Amino acid sequence: IEEARARFDLLGCVCVHRTGHLAVGDPAVWVG
């Protein structure tokens, strides 16, 4: 995330990744 901040001159960047048991259709990772 910090590398992306510098490389792309971002104002914000977050990423969350799931662990555990996920069903079909569940979000597994999100990047903004």
Full PDB file with SEQRES, HELIX, SHEET, SSBOND, CRYST1, ORIGX, SCALE, CONECT and MASTER records, all heavy atoms in Angstrom:
SEQRES   1 A   32  ILE GLU GLU ALA ARG ALA ARG PHE ASP LEU LEU GLY CYS          
SEQRES   2 A   32  VAL CYS VAL HIS ARG THR GLY HIS LEU ALA VAL GLY ASP          
SEQRES   3 A   32  PRO ALA VAL TRP VAL GLY                                      
HELIX    1 AA1 GLU A    2  PHE A    8  1                                   7    
SHEET    1 AA1 2 CYS A  15  HIS A  17  0                                        
SHEET    2 AA1 2 VAL A  29  VAL A  31 -1                                        
CRYST1    1.000    1.000    1.000  90.00  90.00  90.00 P 1           1          
ORIGX1      1.000000  0.000000  0.000000        0.00000                         
ORIGX2      0.000000  1.000000  0.000000        0.00000                         
ORIGX3      0.000000  0.000000  1.000000        0.00000                         
SCALE1      1.000000  0.000000  0.000000        0.00000                         
SCALE2      0.000000  1.000000  0.000000        0.00000                         
SCALE3      0.000000  0.000000  1.000000        0.00000                         
ATOM      1  N   ILE A   1       0.837  -1.206   0.000  1.00  0.00           N  
ATOM      2  CA  ILE A   1       0.000   0.000   0.000  1.00  0.00           C  
ATOM      3  C   ILE A   1       0.870   1.254   0.000  1.00  0.00           C  
ATOM      4  O   ILE A   1       0.607   2.212  -0.736  1.00  0.00           O  
ATOM      5  CB  ILE A   1      -0.959  -0.003   1.210  1.00  0.00           C  
ATOM      6  CG1 ILE A   1      -1.933  -1.183   1.131  1.00  0.00           C  
ATOM      7  CG2 ILE A   1      -1.687   1.330   1.347  1.00  0.00           C  
ATOM      8  CD1 ILE A   1      -2.848  -1.201  -0.058  1.00  0.00           C  
ATOM      9  N   GLU A   2       1.910   1.260   0.812  1.00  0.00           N  
ATOM     10  CA  GLU A   2       2.803   2.426   0.869  1.00  0.00           C  
ATOM     11  C   GLU A   2       3.571   2.598  -0.441  1.00  0.00           C  
ATOM     12  O   GLU A   2       3.800   3.726  -0.890  1.00  0.00           O  
ATOM     13  CB  GLU A   2       3.760   2.322   2.058  1.00  0.00           C  
ATOM     14  CG  GLU A   2       3.075   2.493   3.402  1.00  0.00           C  
ATOM     15  CD  GLU A   2       2.456   3.876   3.610  1.00  0.00           C  
ATOM     16  OE1 GLU A   2       2.866   4.844   2.944  1.00  0.00           O  
ATOM     17  OE2 GLU A   2       1.547   3.988   4.445  1.00  0.00           O  
ATOM     18  N   GLU A   3       3.961   1.500  -1.072  1.00  0.00           N  
ATOM     19  CA  GLU A   3       4.610   1.586  -2.381  1.00  0.00           C  
ATOM     20  C   GLU A   3       3.653   2.173  -3.410  1.00  0.00           C  
ATOM     21  O   GLU A   3       4.038   3.008  -4.241  1.00  0.00           O  
ATOM     22  CB  GLU A   3       5.099   0.212  -2.840  1.00  0.00           C  
ATOM     23  CG  GLU A   3       6.284  -0.311  -2.064  1.00  0.00           C  
ATOM     24  CD  GLU A   3       6.625  -1.758  -2.405  1.00  0.00           C  
ATOM     25  OE1 GLU A   3       6.229  -2.267  -3.479  1.00  0.00           O  
ATOM     26  OE2 GLU A   3       7.300  -2.401  -1.580  1.00  0.00           O  
ATOM     27  N   ALA A   4       2.392   1.748  -3.374  1.00  0.00           N  
ATOM     28  CA  ALA A   4       1.385   2.280  -4.294  1.00  0.00           C  
ATOM     29  C   ALA A   4       1.173   3.772  -4.046  1.00  0.00           C  
ATOM     30  O   ALA A   4       1.025   4.546  -5.000  1.00  0.00           O  
ATOM     31  CB  ALA A   4       0.068   1.524  -4.133  1.00  0.00           C  
ATOM     32  N   ARG A   5       1.179   4.159  -2.795  1.00  0.00           N  
ATOM     33  CA  ARG A   5       1.006   5.573  -2.434  1.00  0.00           C  
ATOM     34  C   ARG A   5       2.061   6.433  -3.132  1.00  0.00           C  
ATOM     35  O   ARG A   5       1.743   7.471  -3.724  1.00  0.00           O  
ATOM     36  CB  ARG A   5       1.129   5.721  -0.924  1.00  0.00           C  
ATOM     37  CG  ARG A   5       1.028   7.127  -0.415  1.00  0.00           C  
ATOM     38  CD  ARG A   5       1.282   7.140   1.085  1.00  0.00           C  
ATOM     39  NE  ARG A   5       0.754   8.329   1.700  1.00  0.00           N  
ATOM     40  CZ  ARG A   5       0.697   8.542   3.007  1.00  0.00           C  
ATOM     41  NH1 ARG A   5       1.140   7.615   3.843  1.00  0.00           N  
ATOM     42  NH2 ARG A   5       0.209   9.654   3.482  1.00  0.00           N  
ATOM     43  N   ALA A   6       3.301   6.008  -3.072  1.00  0.00           N  
ATOM     44  CA  ALA A   6       4.395   6.766  -3.692  1.00  0.00           C  
ATOM     45  C   ALA A   6       4.382   6.648  -5.209  1.00  0.00           C  
ATOM     46  O   ALA A   6       4.554   7.637  -5.925  1.00  0.00           O  
ATOM     47  CB  ALA A   6       5.731   6.276  -3.135  1.00  0.00           C  
ATOM     48  N   ARG A   7       4.155   5.455  -5.712  1.00  0.00           N  
ATOM     49  CA  ARG A   7       4.232   5.198  -7.152  1.00  0.00           C  
ATOM     50  C   ARG A   7       3.127   5.912  -7.932  1.00  0.00           C  
ATOM     51  O   ARG A   7       3.353   6.377  -9.048  1.00  0.00           O  
ATOM     52  CB  ARG A   7       4.139   3.689  -7.375  1.00  0.00           C  
ATOM     53  CG  ARG A   7       4.137   3.257  -8.817  1.00  0.00           C  
ATOM     54  CD  ARG A   7       4.007   1.765  -8.900  1.00  0.00           C  
ATOM     55  NE  ARG A   7       5.295   1.176  -8.622  1.00  0.00           N  
ATOM     56  CZ  ARG A   7       5.839   0.192  -9.319  1.00  0.00           C  
ATOM     57  NH1 ARG A   7       5.171  -0.351 -10.318  1.00  0.00           N  
ATOM     58  NH2 ARG A   7       7.013  -0.268  -9.022  1.00  0.00           N  
ATOM     59  N   PHE A   8       1.924   5.971  -7.348  1.00  0.00           N  
ATOM     60  CA  PHE A   8       0.765   6.499  -8.072  1.00  0.00           C  
ATOM     61  C   PHE A   8       0.242   7.816  -7.498  1.00  0.00           C  
ATOM     62  O   PHE A   8      -0.812   8.283  -7.908  1.00  0.00           O  
ATOM     63  CB  PHE A   8      -0.357   5.454  -8.098  1.00  0.00           C  
ATOM     64  CG  PHE A   8       0.048   4.181  -8.782  1.00  0.00           C  
ATOM     65  CD1 PHE A   8       0.453   3.084  -8.040  1.00  0.00           C  
ATOM     66  CD2 PHE A   8       0.058   4.089 -10.168  1.00  0.00           C  
ATOM     67  CE1 PHE A   8       0.837   1.905  -8.664  1.00  0.00           C  
ATOM     68  CE2 PHE A   8       0.447   2.922 -10.799  1.00  0.00           C  
ATOM     69  CZ  PHE A   8       0.837   1.825 -10.045  1.00  0.00           C  
ATOM     70  N   ASP A   9       0.963   8.409  -6.554  1.00  0.00           N  
ATOM     71  CA  ASP A   9       0.576   9.688  -5.951  1.00  0.00           C  
ATOM     72  C   ASP A   9      -0.879   9.640  -5.458  1.00  0.00           C  
ATOM     73  O   ASP A   9      -1.707  10.475  -5.805  1.00  0.00           O  
ATOM     74  CB  ASP A   9       0.781  10.830  -6.943  1.00  0.00           C  
ATOM     75  CG  ASP A   9       0.698  12.189  -6.266  1.00  0.00           C  
ATOM     76  OD1 ASP A   9       1.012  12.280  -5.061  1.00  0.00           O  
ATOM     77  OD2 ASP A   9       0.307  13.159  -6.948  1.00  0.00           O  
ATOM     78  N   LEU A  10      -1.169   8.631  -4.636  1.00  0.00           N  
ATOM     79  CA  LEU A  10      -2.532   8.402  -4.171  1.00  0.00           C  
ATOM     80  C   LEU A  10      -2.908   9.295  -2.988  1.00  0.00           C  
ATOM     81  O   LEU A  10      -2.052   9.720  -2.215  1.00  0.00           O  
ATOM     82  CB  LEU A  10      -2.690   6.933  -3.760  1.00  0.00           C  
ATOM     83  CG  LEU A  10      -2.501   5.919  -4.873  1.00  0.00           C  
ATOM     84  CD1 LEU A  10      -2.600   4.502  -4.315  1.00  0.00           C  
ATOM     85  CD2 LEU A  10      -3.517   6.140  -5.985  1.00  0.00           C  
ATOM     86  N   LEU A  11      -4.206   9.492  -2.830  1.00  0.00           N  
ATOM     87  CA  LEU A  11      -4.764  10.221  -1.689  1.00  0.00           C  
ATOM     88  C   LEU A  11      -5.259   9.254  -0.621  1.00  0.00           C  
ATOM     89  O   LEU A  11      -5.509   9.655   0.512  1.00  0.00           O  
ATOM     90  CB  LEU A  11      -5.904  11.124  -2.164  1.00  0.00           C  
ATOM     91  CG  LEU A  11      -5.493  12.152  -3.217  1.00  0.00           C  
ATOM     92  CD1 LEU A  11      -6.722  12.824  -3.802  1.00  0.00           C  
ATOM     93  CD2 LEU A  11      -4.536  13.156  -2.611  1.00  0.00           C  
ATOM     94  N   GLY A  12      -5.408   8.006  -0.984  1.00  0.00           N  
ATOM     95  CA  GLY A  12      -5.825   6.958  -0.061  1.00  0.00           C  
ATOM     96  C   GLY A  12      -5.769   5.623  -0.775  1.00  0.00           C  
ATOM     97  O   GLY A  12      -5.910   5.562  -1.996  1.00  0.00           O  
ATOM     98  N   CYS A  13      -5.543   4.560  -0.016  1.00  0.00           N  
ATOM     99  CA  CYS A  13      -5.542   3.219  -0.601  1.00  0.00           C  
ATOM    100  C   CYS A  13      -5.700   2.209   0.531  1.00  0.00           C  
ATOM    101  O   CYS A  13      -4.929   2.226   1.495  1.00  0.00           O  
ATOM    102  CB  CYS A  13      -4.255   2.943  -1.372  1.00  0.00           C  
ATOM    103  SG  CYS A  13      -4.303   1.388  -2.303  1.00  0.00           S  
ATOM    104  N   VAL A  14      -6.711   1.382   0.433  1.00  0.00           N  
ATOM    105  CA  VAL A  14      -6.920   0.341   1.426  1.00  0.00           C  
ATOM    106  C   VAL A  14      -7.132  -0.993   0.730  1.00  0.00           C  
ATOM    107  O   VAL A  14      -7.600  -1.053  -0.412  1.00  0.00           O  
ATOM    108  CB  VAL A  14      -8.117   0.632   2.368  1.00  0.00           C  
ATOM    109  CG1 VAL A  14      -7.897   1.913   3.153  1.00  0.00           C  
ATOM    110  CG2 VAL A  14      -9.415   0.686   1.609  1.00  0.00           C  
ATOM    111  N   CYS A  15      -6.774  -2.044   1.448  1.00  0.00           N  
ATOM    112  CA  CYS A  15      -7.006  -3.403   0.963  1.00  0.00           C  
ATOM    113  C   CYS A  15      -7.328  -4.272   2.168  1.00  0.00           C  
ATOM    114  O   CYS A  15      -6.661  -4.182   3.203  1.00  0.00           O  
ATOM    115  CB  CYS A  15      -5.770  -3.933   0.237  1.00  0.00           C  
ATOM    116  SG  CYS A  15      -5.959  -5.636  -0.373  1.00  0.00           S  
ATOM    117  N   VAL A  16      -8.346  -5.088   2.024  1.00  0.00           N  
ATOM    118  CA  VAL A  16      -8.699  -6.065   3.056  1.00  0.00           C  
ATOM    119  C   VAL A  16      -8.844  -7.421   2.380  1.00  0.00           C  
ATOM    120  O   VAL A  16      -9.384  -7.520   1.276  1.00  0.00           O  
ATOM    121  CB  VAL A  16      -9.984  -5.661   3.820  1.00  0.00           C  
ATOM    122  CG1 VAL A  16     -11.169  -5.507   2.895  1.00  0.00           C  
ATOM    123  CG2 VAL A  16     -10.308  -6.649   4.925  1.00  0.00           C  
ATOM    124  N   HIS A  17      -8.311  -8.457   3.034  1.00  0.00           N  
ATOM    125  CA  HIS A  17      -8.391  -9.821   2.501  1.00  0.00           C  
ATOM    126  C   HIS A  17      -8.993 -10.716   3.575  1.00  0.00           C  
ATOM    127  O   HIS A  17      -8.605 -10.652   4.738  1.00  0.00           O  
ATOM    128  CB  HIS A  17      -7.007 -10.333   2.117  1.00  0.00           C  
ATOM    129  CG  HIS A  17      -7.046 -11.471   1.144  1.00  0.00           C  
ATOM    130  ND1 HIS A  17      -7.638 -12.681   1.431  1.00  0.00           N  
ATOM    131  CD2 HIS A  17      -6.583 -11.558  -0.125  1.00  0.00           C  
ATOM    132  CE1 HIS A  17      -7.529 -13.476   0.388  1.00  0.00           C  
ATOM    133  NE2 HIS A  17      -6.898 -12.819  -0.579  1.00  0.00           N  
ATOM    134  N   ARG A  18      -9.929 -11.537   3.176  1.00  0.00           N  
ATOM    135  CA  ARG A  18     -10.593 -12.463   4.093  1.00  0.00           C  
ATOM    136  C   ARG A  18      -9.735 -13.677   4.388  1.00  0.00           C  
ATOM    137  O   ARG A  18      -8.924 -14.103   3.569  1.00  0.00           O  
ATOM    138  CB  ARG A  18     -11.890 -12.989   3.464  1.00  0.00           C  
ATOM    139  CG  ARG A  18     -13.115 -12.150   3.619  1.00  0.00           C  
ATOM    140  CD  ARG A  18     -13.655 -12.071   5.032  1.00  0.00           C  
ATOM    141  NE  ARG A  18     -13.910 -13.347   5.692  1.00  0.00           N  
ATOM    142  CZ  ARG A  18     -15.011 -14.081   5.553  1.00  0.00           C  
ATOM    143  NH1 ARG A  18     -15.975 -13.696   4.740  1.00  0.00           N  
ATOM    144  NH2 ARG A  18     -15.137 -15.204   6.221  1.00  0.00           N  
ATOM    145  N   THR A  19      -9.971 -14.252   5.538  1.00  0.00           N  
ATOM    146  CA  THR A  19      -9.499 -15.590   5.866  1.00  0.00           C  
ATOM    147  C   THR A  19     -10.702 -16.365   6.392  1.00  0.00           C  
ATOM    148  O   THR A  19     -11.750 -15.795   6.681  1.00  0.00           O  
ATOM    149  CB  THR A  19      -8.375 -15.576   6.928  1.00  0.00           C  
ATOM    150  OG1 THR A  19      -8.834 -14.883   8.086  1.00  0.00           O  
ATOM    151  CG2 THR A  19      -7.111 -14.945   6.378  1.00  0.00           C  
ATOM    152  N   GLY A  20     -10.534 -17.663   6.510  1.00  0.00           N  
ATOM    153  CA  GLY A  20     -11.609 -18.508   6.990  1.00  0.00           C  
ATOM    154  C   GLY A  20     -12.371 -19.135   5.835  1.00  0.00           C  
ATOM    155  O   GLY A  20     -11.904 -19.185   4.704  1.00  0.00           O  
ATOM    156  N   HIS A  21     -13.574 -19.624   6.156  1.00  0.00           N  
ATOM    157  CA  HIS A  21     -14.413 -20.331   5.191  1.00  0.00           C  
ATOM    158  C   HIS A  21     -15.308 -19.335   4.459  1.00  0.00           C  
ATOM    159  O   HIS A  21     -16.022 -18.571   5.095  1.00  0.00           O  
ATOM    160  CB  HIS A  21     -15.268 -21.371   5.928  1.00  0.00           C  
ATOM    161  CG  HIS A  21     -15.965 -22.306   5.017  1.00  0.00           C  
ATOM    162  ND1 HIS A  21     -15.314 -23.333   4.366  1.00  0.00           N  
ATOM    163  CD2 HIS A  21     -17.264 -22.371   4.637  1.00  0.00           C  
ATOM    164  CE1 HIS A  21     -16.189 -24.000   3.630  1.00  0.00           C  
ATOM    165  NE2 HIS A  21     -17.377 -23.430   3.779  1.00  0.00           N  
ATOM    166  N   LEU A  22     -15.265 -19.362   3.127  1.00  0.00           N  
ATOM    167  CA  LEU A  22     -16.067 -18.458   2.304  1.00  0.00           C  
ATOM    168  C   LEU A  22     -16.932 -19.260   1.343  1.00  0.00           C  
ATOM    169  O   LEU A  22     -16.484 -20.256   0.775  1.00  0.00           O  
ATOM    170  CB  LEU A  22     -15.176 -17.520   1.484  1.00  0.00           C  
ATOM    171  CG  LEU A  22     -14.529 -16.355   2.217  1.00  0.00           C  
ATOM    172  CD1 LEU A  22     -13.382 -16.805   3.081  1.00  0.00           C  
ATOM    173  CD2 LEU A  22     -14.046 -15.332   1.220  1.00  0.00           C  
ATOM    174  N   ALA A  23     -18.155 -18.794   1.151  1.00  0.00           N  
ATOM    175  CA  ALA A  23     -19.085 -19.429   0.225  1.00  0.00           C  
ATOM    176  C   ALA A  23     -18.951 -18.801  -1.158  1.00  0.00           C  
ATOM    177  O   ALA A  23     -18.410 -17.700  -1.310  1.00  0.00           O  
ATOM    178  CB  ALA A  23     -20.519 -19.256   0.733  1.00  0.00           C  
ATOM    179  N   VAL A  24     -19.461 -19.485  -2.153  1.00  0.00           N  
ATOM    180  CA  VAL A  24     -19.490 -18.946  -3.513  1.00  0.00           C  
ATOM    181  C   VAL A  24     -20.216 -17.602  -3.476  1.00  0.00           C  
ATOM    182  O   VAL A  24     -21.276 -17.462  -2.864  1.00  0.00           O  
ATOM    183  CB  VAL A  24     -20.190 -19.930  -4.476  1.00  0.00           C  
ATOM    184  CG1 VAL A  24     -20.463 -19.284  -5.824  1.00  0.00           C  
ATOM    185  CG2 VAL A  24     -19.353 -21.189  -4.630  1.00  0.00           C  
ATOM    186  N   GLY A  25     -19.607 -16.600  -4.112  1.00  0.00           N  
ATOM    187  CA  GLY A  25     -20.177 -15.255  -4.161  1.00  0.00           C  
ATOM    188  C   GLY A  25     -19.668 -14.312  -3.090  1.00  0.00           C  
ATOM    189  O   GLY A  25     -19.806 -13.098  -3.217  1.00  0.00           O  
ATOM    190  N   ASP A  26     -19.058 -14.853  -2.030  1.00  0.00           N  
ATOM    191  CA  ASP A  26     -18.539 -13.990  -0.963  1.00  0.00           C  
ATOM    192  C   ASP A  26     -17.357 -13.162  -1.463  1.00  0.00           C  
ATOM    193  O   ASP A  26     -16.498 -13.672  -2.188  1.00  0.00           O  
ATOM    194  CB  ASP A  26     -18.043 -14.824   0.229  1.00  0.00           C  
ATOM    195  CG  ASP A  26     -19.150 -15.379   1.092  1.00  0.00           C  
ATOM    196  OD1 ASP A  26     -20.314 -14.982   0.916  1.00  0.00           O  
ATOM    197  OD2 ASP A  26     -18.832 -16.238   1.953  1.00  0.00           O  
ATOM    198  N   PRO A  27     -17.276 -11.893  -1.050  1.00  0.00           N  
ATOM    199  CA  PRO A  27     -16.068 -11.112  -1.338  1.00  0.00           C  
ATOM    200  C   PRO A  27     -14.876 -11.698  -0.575  1.00  0.00           C  
ATOM    201  O   PRO A  27     -14.959 -11.936   0.630  1.00  0.00           O  
ATOM    202  CB  PRO A  27     -16.399  -9.711  -0.830  1.00  0.00           C  
ATOM    203  CG  PRO A  27     -17.896  -9.667  -0.751  1.00  0.00           C  
ATOM    204  CD  PRO A  27     -18.314 -11.073  -0.414  1.00  0.00           C  
ATOM    205  N   ALA A  28     -13.788 -11.926  -1.289  1.00  0.00           N  
ATOM    206  CA  ALA A  28     -12.581 -12.492  -0.684  1.00  0.00           C  
ATOM    207  C   ALA A  28     -11.511 -11.428  -0.469  1.00  0.00           C  
ATOM    208  O   ALA A  28     -10.696 -11.536   0.448  1.00  0.00           O  
ATOM    209  CB  ALA A  28     -12.022 -13.611  -1.563  1.00  0.00           C  
ATOM    210  N   VAL A  29     -11.504 -10.411  -1.327  1.00  0.00           N  
ATOM    211  CA  VAL A  29     -10.514  -9.335  -1.225  1.00  0.00           C  
ATOM    212  C   VAL A  29     -11.131  -8.072  -1.806  1.00  0.00           C  
ATOM    213  O   VAL A  29     -11.930  -8.138  -2.757  1.00  0.00           O  
ATOM    214  CB  VAL A  29      -9.192  -9.706  -1.954  1.00  0.00           C  
ATOM    215  CG1 VAL A  29      -9.409  -9.964  -3.422  1.00  0.00           C  
ATOM    216  CG2 VAL A  29      -8.118  -8.666  -1.732  1.00  0.00           C  
ATOM    217  N   TRP A  30     -10.782  -6.922  -1.205  1.00  0.00           N  
ATOM    218  CA  TRP A  30     -11.268  -5.639  -1.705  1.00  0.00           C  
ATOM    219  C   TRP A  30     -10.119  -4.649  -1.685  1.00  0.00           C  
ATOM    220  O   TRP A  30      -9.386  -4.556  -0.694  1.00  0.00           O  
ATOM    221  CB  TRP A  30     -12.418  -5.120  -0.854  1.00  0.00           C  
ATOM    222  CG  TRP A  30     -13.132  -3.954  -1.461  1.00  0.00           C  
ATOM    223  CD1 TRP A  30     -14.192  -4.002  -2.318  1.00  0.00           C  
ATOM    224  CD2 TRP A  30     -12.867  -2.558  -1.247  1.00  0.00           C  
ATOM    225  NE1 TRP A  30     -14.585  -2.730  -2.663  1.00  0.00           N  
ATOM    226  CE2 TRP A  30     -13.790  -1.814  -2.007  1.00  0.00           C  
ATOM    227  CE3 TRP A  30     -11.923  -1.858  -0.487  1.00  0.00           C  
ATOM    228  CZ2 TRP A  30     -13.807  -0.431  -2.047  1.00  0.00           C  
ATOM    229  CZ3 TRP A  30     -11.938  -0.471  -0.518  1.00  0.00           C  
ATOM    230  CH2 TRP A  30     -12.881   0.233  -1.288  1.00  0.00           C  
ATOM    231  N   VAL A  31      -9.957  -3.924  -2.794  1.00  0.00           N  
ATOM    232  CA  VAL A  31      -8.948  -2.878  -2.917  1.00  0.00           C  
ATOM    233  C   VAL A  31      -9.654  -1.607  -3.346  1.00  0.00           C  
ATOM    234  O   VAL A  31     -10.473  -1.639  -4.269  1.00  0.00           O  
ATOM    235  CB  VAL A  31      -7.881  -3.223  -3.976  1.00  0.00           C  
ATOM    236  CG1 VAL A  31      -6.868  -2.086  -4.119  1.00  0.00           C  
ATOM    237  CG2 VAL A  31      -7.179  -4.528  -3.666  1.00  0.00           C  
ATOM    238  N   GLY A  32      -9.331  -0.504  -2.683  1.00  0.00           N  
ATOM    239  CA  GLY A  32      -9.843   0.799  -3.096  1.00  0.00           C  
ATOM    240  C   GLY A  32      -8.695   1.784  -3.196  1.00  0.00           C  
ATOM    241  O   GLY A  32      -7.934   1.949  -2.237  1.00  0.00           O  
TER     242      GLY A  32                                                      
MASTER        0    0    0    1    2    0    0    6  241    1    0    3          
END                                                                             
